[in-house]
Amino acid sequence: MRWMLVDGFNLVFRSHFAMERSNLRRQSDQFPTGALHGWIKSLLDLRDSEKPDRAAVFFDLGGSDRHLAAHPEYKAQRDDTPEDIVLQLPEVKRLTALLGFQVVERRGVEADDLIATAVRRLSAEGHGCVIVSADKDFGQCVGGEVFQLAPPPTANPSAGWRRLDAAGVTEKFGVPPARIADYLALVGDASDNIPGLRGVGPKTAVKWISEHGGLEQVLAAADRLEPGRFREQVRAEADRIRANLDLVTFRTDYELDLGEAPVEDVEGVERLLGEMEMHATLRRYRARHGRDAADNASASAPSVPQRPPKPPEPSGGSVQGELF
């Protein structure tokens, strides 16, 4: 069986910023819908191209308890989630389930760890997996029948999605999947507010790992490292860099029940798109399923709220293209 495992917030943010300039809103009350437009297009395009047997989308639900306990500044540098995303997130999750994608989340556990747990379990059972995310951390999961599907850079959307196998990870980072965590411990991860060794960039980290092996071997060789100016820093900060390794290495032993395969609820999707007044997207979705609009008038007669729903508590581009 082939599984598609989607990094939910990674793709939600991408969907939001891809559509942001269009400022798409429900006309009756100006509720934002841009992320929803981008989200349904992304999920359907991914399902069309990957043709998985099962698909699940993983979301963060609150902060990561294990990371915050070890490093209170974990992700502290990030801006607050844009209000438009906060408003749309409940509908994003509702739409995801209606489309037949399983929604997986657990309070206090980072979605990345849940994805890595799923990969470990599914791989052990002989299943193939493709992880949909731009997060470089997932390079450590790649190998065998596990791939990462990384989106094109925002600055060059025409580059298309890139499927990374073990050789692709090595080509991109200079180290194989088994050494990605060691690499990140040395260079740090700015997106997660994890500082590496001052002045040590990718080239130096790759050089050290290539010459000495894993992180412990690099630290043990502190007196022989080149350039020599880093030797004292490596000796002085060895314990902090070891702590980095714990932060960037996925935990894969969480309990996880993936349950039965959900079924796409076509009429439910139509009702939601109608409620959101996403009329062009609704027409295209109906066309995908060969459903004539005249036969489904009831699906386009939504109960529209008079004002936007109260925002939930926060859980934690490219130019608009044609919608599927």
Protein backbone atom coordinates (compact mmCIF):
# COMPACT_ATOMS: atom_id res chain seq x y z
CA MET A 1 0.00 0.00 0.00
CA ARG A 2 1.19 3.53 -0.81
CA TRP A 3 0.58 6.26 1.76
CA MET A 4 0.71 10.02 1.29
CA LEU A 5 1.51 11.86 4.54
CA VAL A 6 0.98 15.63 4.38
CA ASP A 7 2.58 18.19 6.67
CA GLY A 8 -0.61 20.17 7.26
CA PHE A 9 0.56 23.57 8.47
CA ASN A 10 3.38 23.60 5.95
CA LEU A 11 0.84 23.28 3.15
CA VAL A 12 -1.79 25.55 4.77
CA PHE A 13 0.68 28.43 4.97
CA ARG A 14 1.76 27.80 1.40
CA SER A 15 -1.89 27.78 0.26
CA HIS A 16 -2.63 31.02 2.12
CA PHE A 17 0.33 32.98 0.76
CA ALA A 18 -0.16 31.64 -2.77
CA MET A 19 -3.65 33.15 -2.82
CA GLU A 20 -3.09 36.17 -0.56
CA ARG A 21 -2.89 38.77 -3.33
CA SER A 22 -6.26 37.66 -4.66
CA ASN A 23 -7.91 38.59 -1.32
CA LEU A 24 -10.64 35.99 -1.83
CA ARG A 25 -13.56 36.35 0.59
CA ARG A 26 -17.12 35.21 1.08
CA GLN A 27 -19.17 38.06 -0.31
CA SER A 28 -21.95 37.89 2.27
CA ASP A 29 -19.72 38.65 5.26
CA GLN A 30 -16.10 38.99 3.99
CA PHE A 31 -14.96 35.79 5.68
CA PRO A 32 -11.56 34.89 4.12
CA THR A 33 -11.46 31.91 1.76
CA GLY A 34 -8.08 32.19 0.02
CA ALA A 35 -6.40 29.41 2.00
CA LEU A 36 -9.40 27.16 1.37
CA HIS A 37 -9.17 27.74 -2.38
CA GLY A 38 -5.46 26.95 -2.38
CA TRP A 39 -5.92 24.02 0.00
CA ILE A 40 -8.48 22.09 -2.04
CA LYS A 41 -6.49 22.67 -5.21
CA SER A 42 -3.30 21.43 -3.54
CA LEU A 43 -4.84 18.30 -2.02
CA LEU A 44 -6.65 17.31 -5.22
CA ASP A 45 -3.57 17.96 -7.37
CA LEU A 46 -1.43 15.88 -5.01
CA ARG A 47 -3.92 13.04 -4.99
CA ASP A 48 -4.13 13.12 -8.78
CA SER A 49 -0.35 13.05 -9.22
CA GLU A 50 0.56 10.60 -6.44
CA LYS A 51 -2.48 8.30 -6.58
CA PRO A 52 -1.98 7.04 -3.01
CA ASP A 53 -4.00 4.18 -1.55
CA ARG A 54 -4.33 6.13 1.71
CA ALA A 55 -3.72 9.76 2.58
CA ALA A 56 -3.44 11.53 5.92
CA VAL A 57 -2.85 15.16 6.87
CA PHE A 58 -1.04 15.92 10.13
CA PHE A 59 -1.57 19.14 12.08
CA ASP A 60 0.14 20.65 15.12
CA LEU A 61 -2.20 21.12 18.07
CA GLY A 62 -0.53 23.45 20.53
CA GLY A 63 3.22 23.52 21.10
CA SER A 64 5.53 20.52 21.22
CA ASP A 65 5.87 19.53 24.88
CA ARG A 66 9.14 17.66 24.41
CA HIS A 67 10.82 20.47 22.49
CA LEU A 68 9.65 23.23 24.83
CA ALA A 69 10.78 21.28 27.89
CA ALA A 70 14.29 20.99 26.48
CA HIS A 71 14.47 24.38 24.73
CA PRO A 72 11.91 26.99 25.90
CA GLU A 73 12.83 29.25 22.97
CA TYR A 74 11.83 26.60 20.45
CA LYS A 75 10.08 28.39 17.55
CA ALA A 76 9.75 31.50 19.75
CA GLN A 77 11.00 33.73 16.93
CA ARG A 78 8.07 32.94 14.65
CA ASP A 79 5.42 35.55 13.96
CA ASP A 80 1.89 34.88 15.08
CA THR A 81 -0.21 32.87 12.66
CA PRO A 82 -2.03 35.28 10.29
CA GLU A 83 -5.60 35.85 11.43
CA ASP A 84 -6.99 34.76 8.07
CA ILE A 85 -5.39 31.32 8.56
CA VAL A 86 -6.68 31.07 12.13
CA LEU A 87 -10.20 31.83 10.92
CA GLN A 88 -10.07 29.29 8.09
CA LEU A 89 -8.31 26.47 9.92
CA PRO A 90 -11.47 24.74 11.26
CA GLU A 91 -12.92 24.77 7.75
CA VAL A 92 -9.61 23.53 6.30
CA LYS A 93 -9.75 20.51 8.61
CA ARG A 94 -13.44 19.95 7.88
CA LEU A 95 -12.77 20.10 4.12
CA THR A 96 -9.80 17.75 4.48
CA ALA A 97 -11.93 15.07 6.14
CA LEU A 98 -14.75 15.50 3.61
CA LEU A 99 -12.27 14.99 0.76
CA GLY A 100 -11.36 11.59 2.22
CA PHE A 101 -8.05 12.54 3.83
CA GLN A 102 -7.55 11.41 7.40
CA VAL A 103 -6.88 14.25 9.85
CA VAL A 104 -4.27 13.40 12.51
CA GLU A 105 -3.37 15.67 15.43
CA ARG A 106 -2.49 15.35 19.10
CA ARG A 107 -2.18 18.12 21.65
CA GLY A 108 1.40 18.70 22.77
CA VAL A 109 2.91 16.53 20.02
CA GLU A 110 4.44 18.09 16.94
CA ALA A 111 2.99 16.94 13.64
CA ASP A 112 6.53 16.16 12.42
CA ASP A 113 6.95 13.56 15.17
CA LEU A 114 3.57 12.02 14.32
CA ILE A 115 4.53 11.80 10.64
CA ALA A 116 7.87 10.21 11.54
CA THR A 117 6.06 7.75 13.82
CA ALA A 118 3.69 6.86 10.98
CA VAL A 119 6.61 6.39 8.58
CA ARG A 120 8.41 4.06 10.98
CA ARG A 121 5.32 1.94 11.56
CA LEU A 122 4.13 1.83 7.96
CA SER A 123 7.60 1.05 6.64
CA ALA A 124 7.92 -1.82 9.10
CA GLU A 125 4.66 -3.18 7.72
CA GLY A 126 5.99 -3.02 4.16
CA HIS A 127 4.09 0.05 2.99
CA GLY A 128 5.51 2.85 0.84
CA CYS A 129 5.27 6.48 1.99
CA VAL A 130 5.61 9.89 0.41
CA ILE A 131 5.96 12.81 2.83
CA VAL A 132 4.64 16.09 1.46
CA SER A 133 6.58 18.93 3.08
CA ALA A 134 9.20 21.59 2.48
CA ASP A 135 10.74 20.87 5.90
CA LYS A 136 14.36 19.76 5.54
CA ASP A 137 14.09 17.72 8.77
CA PHE A 138 12.17 15.05 6.86
CA GLY A 139 15.32 14.13 4.97
CA GLN A 140 16.14 11.88 7.93
CA CYS A 141 13.06 9.73 7.17
CA VAL A 142 13.88 9.11 3.51
CA GLY A 143 15.14 5.76 2.27
CA GLY A 144 13.87 2.58 0.66
CA GLU A 145 10.21 3.14 -0.22
CA VAL A 146 10.00 6.42 1.73
CA PHE A 147 10.27 9.62 -0.30
CA GLN A 148 9.89 13.32 0.37
CA LEU A 149 7.89 15.46 -2.01
CA ALA A 150 9.16 19.02 -1.65
CA PRO A 151 7.34 22.00 -3.19
CA PRO A 152 9.09 24.33 -5.60
CA PRO A 153 10.84 27.37 -4.11
CA THR A 154 8.57 30.38 -3.74
CA ALA A 155 10.96 32.38 -5.92
CA ASN A 156 10.80 29.79 -8.70
CA PRO A 157 7.40 28.07 -8.77
CA SER A 158 7.98 26.82 -12.31
CA ALA A 159 10.61 24.44 -10.91
CA GLY A 160 7.80 22.14 -9.83
CA TRP A 161 7.62 19.66 -6.98
CA ARG A 162 10.73 17.60 -6.35
CA ARG A 163 10.67 13.97 -5.24
CA LEU A 164 13.64 13.15 -3.05
CA ASP A 165 14.92 9.63 -2.54
CA ALA A 166 18.04 8.86 -0.48
CA ALA A 167 20.31 9.93 -3.35
CA GLY A 168 18.32 13.14 -3.77
CA VAL A 169 18.70 13.99 -0.07
CA THR A 170 22.45 13.40 -0.31
CA GLU A 171 22.67 15.56 -3.42
CA LYS A 172 20.69 18.38 -1.81
CA PHE A 173 22.40 18.48 1.59
CA GLY A 174 25.75 16.79 1.02
CA VAL A 175 25.05 14.12 3.64
CA PRO A 176 22.88 10.96 3.49
CA PRO A 177 19.53 10.70 5.33
CA ALA A 178 21.14 8.97 8.32
CA ARG A 179 23.30 12.07 8.90
CA ILE A 180 20.67 14.80 8.41
CA ALA A 181 20.08 15.17 12.16
CA ASP A 182 23.86 15.41 12.80
CA TYR A 183 24.11 18.04 10.08
CA LEU A 184 21.23 20.10 11.52
CA ALA A 185 22.67 19.86 15.04
CA LEU A 186 25.87 21.51 13.77
CA VAL A 187 24.40 24.20 11.49
CA GLY A 188 21.24 24.79 13.52
CA ASP A 189 17.74 25.34 12.23
CA ALA A 190 16.71 28.99 12.07
CA SER A 191 13.08 28.10 11.29
CA ASP A 192 12.83 26.35 14.69
CA ASN A 193 15.05 28.85 16.56
CA ILE A 194 17.77 26.24 17.18
CA PRO A 195 21.20 27.89 16.98
CA GLY A 196 24.09 25.88 15.60
CA LEU A 197 27.79 26.52 16.04
CA ARG A 198 28.57 30.16 15.32
CA GLY A 199 30.12 30.52 11.90
CA VAL A 200 29.67 26.87 10.92
CA GLY A 201 27.71 26.66 7.70
CA PRO A 202 26.62 23.78 5.48
CA LYS A 203 29.98 23.36 3.73
CA THR A 204 31.93 23.06 6.98
CA ALA A 205 29.37 20.72 8.54
CA VAL A 206 29.39 18.47 5.47
CA LYS A 207 33.20 18.44 5.49
CA TRP A 208 33.38 17.40 9.13
CA ILE A 209 30.71 14.69 8.80
CA SER A 210 32.34 13.34 5.65
CA GLU A 211 35.75 13.17 7.33
CA HIS A 212 34.79 11.98 10.81
CA GLY A 213 31.31 10.41 10.72
CA GLY A 214 28.39 11.23 13.01
CA LEU A 215 28.09 14.05 15.51
CA GLU A 216 29.83 12.23 18.35
CA GLN A 217 32.78 11.45 16.10
CA VAL A 218 32.97 15.11 15.05
CA LEU A 219 32.91 16.27 18.68
CA ALA A 220 35.57 13.69 19.62
CA ALA A 221 37.79 15.07 16.85
CA ALA A 222 37.50 18.67 18.11
CA ASP A 223 41.29 19.03 18.45
CA ARG A 224 41.82 18.06 14.80
CA LEU A 225 38.98 19.92 13.10
CA GLU A 226 39.71 22.26 10.23
CA PRO A 227 39.46 25.21 10.06
CA GLY A 228 41.27 25.30 13.38
CA ARG A 229 39.49 28.44 14.57
CA PHE A 230 36.43 26.32 15.42
CA ARG A 231 38.21 23.88 17.73
CA GLU A 232 37.77 25.77 20.98
CA GLN A 233 34.14 26.56 20.22
CA VAL A 234 33.38 22.90 19.49
CA ARG A 235 34.98 21.83 22.77
CA ALA A 236 33.15 24.52 24.75
CA GLU A 237 29.72 23.93 23.22
CA ALA A 238 29.75 20.17 22.82
CA ASP A 239 26.91 19.59 25.31
CA ARG A 240 24.70 22.21 23.67
CA ILE A 241 25.26 20.66 20.24
CA ARG A 242 24.39 17.23 21.66
CA ALA A 243 21.16 18.81 22.96
CA ASN A 244 20.55 20.15 19.44
CA LEU A 245 20.70 16.59 18.16
CA ASP A 246 17.87 15.58 20.48
CA LEU A 247 15.80 18.55 19.29
CA VAL A 248 16.21 17.87 15.57
CA THR A 249 15.89 14.07 15.72
CA PHE A 250 12.32 12.90 15.33
CA ARG A 251 10.70 10.89 18.07
CA THR A 252 8.95 7.90 16.49
CA ASP A 253 7.42 5.96 19.38
CA TYR A 254 4.09 7.72 19.85
CA GLU A 255 0.88 5.71 19.90
CA LEU A 256 -0.88 6.28 16.62
CA ASP A 257 -4.15 4.83 15.37
CA LEU A 258 -4.60 5.44 11.66
CA GLY A 259 -7.94 3.65 11.70
CA GLU A 260 -10.05 2.83 8.68
CA ALA A 261 -9.70 4.59 5.36
CA PRO A 262 -12.12 7.56 5.18
CA VAL A 263 -14.37 7.93 2.15
CA GLU A 264 -14.74 11.14 0.17
CA ASP A 265 -18.11 12.79 0.85
CA VAL A 266 -18.80 14.51 -2.46
CA GLU A 267 -22.09 16.07 -1.38
CA GLY A 268 -20.48 17.21 1.88
CA VAL A 269 -17.69 18.93 -0.03
CA GLU A 270 -20.26 20.60 -2.27
CA ARG A 271 -22.19 21.87 0.74
CA LEU A 272 -19.06 23.30 2.36
CA LEU A 273 -17.96 25.03 -0.85
CA GLY A 274 -21.47 26.43 -1.16
CA GLU A 275 -21.42 27.71 2.40
CA MET A 276 -18.11 29.39 1.72
CA GLU A 277 -19.51 30.87 -1.53
CA MET A 278 -16.57 29.40 -3.42
CA HIS A 279 -18.65 29.20 -6.57
CA ALA A 280 -15.96 28.72 -9.24
CA THR A 281 -14.23 26.07 -7.15
CA LEU A 282 -17.58 24.37 -6.55
CA ARG A 283 -18.29 24.23 -10.30
CA ARG A 284 -14.90 22.71 -10.99
CA TYR A 285 -15.29 20.20 -8.18
CA ARG A 286 -18.68 19.11 -9.55
CA ALA A 287 -17.21 18.79 -13.01
CA ARG A 288 -14.52 16.46 -11.65
CA HIS A 289 -17.26 14.14 -10.44
CA GLY A 290 -19.52 14.50 -13.48
CA ARG A 291 -22.25 16.13 -11.43
CA ASP A 292 -24.50 18.57 -13.24
CA ALA A 293 -25.12 21.75 -11.28
CA ALA A 294 -28.83 21.66 -12.05
CA ASP A 295 -29.13 18.29 -10.32
CA ASN A 296 -27.47 19.59 -7.18
CA ALA A 297 -29.20 22.88 -6.52
CA SER A 298 -29.66 21.99 -2.88
CA ALA A 299 -25.90 21.72 -2.40
CA SER A 300 -25.44 25.34 -3.49
CA ALA A 301 -28.08 26.75 -1.17
CA PRO A 302 -25.96 27.16 1.94
CA SER A 303 -26.91 28.45 5.31
CA VAL A 304 -24.67 31.51 5.42
CA PRO A 305 -23.77 32.98 8.80
CA GLN A 306 -24.29 36.74 9.16
CA ARG A 307 -20.81 37.28 10.58
CA PRO A 308 -17.57 35.32 10.68
CA PRO A 309 -17.36 32.63 13.33
CA LYS A 310 -15.34 33.42 16.43
CA PRO A 311 -11.66 32.62 15.77
CA PRO A 312 -10.39 29.50 17.51
CA GLU A 313 -7.33 29.64 19.70
CA PRO A 314 -4.21 29.42 17.49
CA SER A 315 -2.81 25.92 17.25
CA GLY A 316 0.48 26.50 17.49
CA GLY A 317 3.98 32.58 -2.54
CA SER A 318 3.32 32.18 -5.46
CA VAL A 319 0.81 34.00 -7.66
CA GLN A 320 -2.65 32.50 -7.85
CA GLY A 321 -2.93 29.90 -10.56
CA GLU A 322 -5.88 28.17 -12.15
CA LEU A 323 -7.98 26.22 -9.70
CA PHE A 324 -8.08 22.56 -10.73
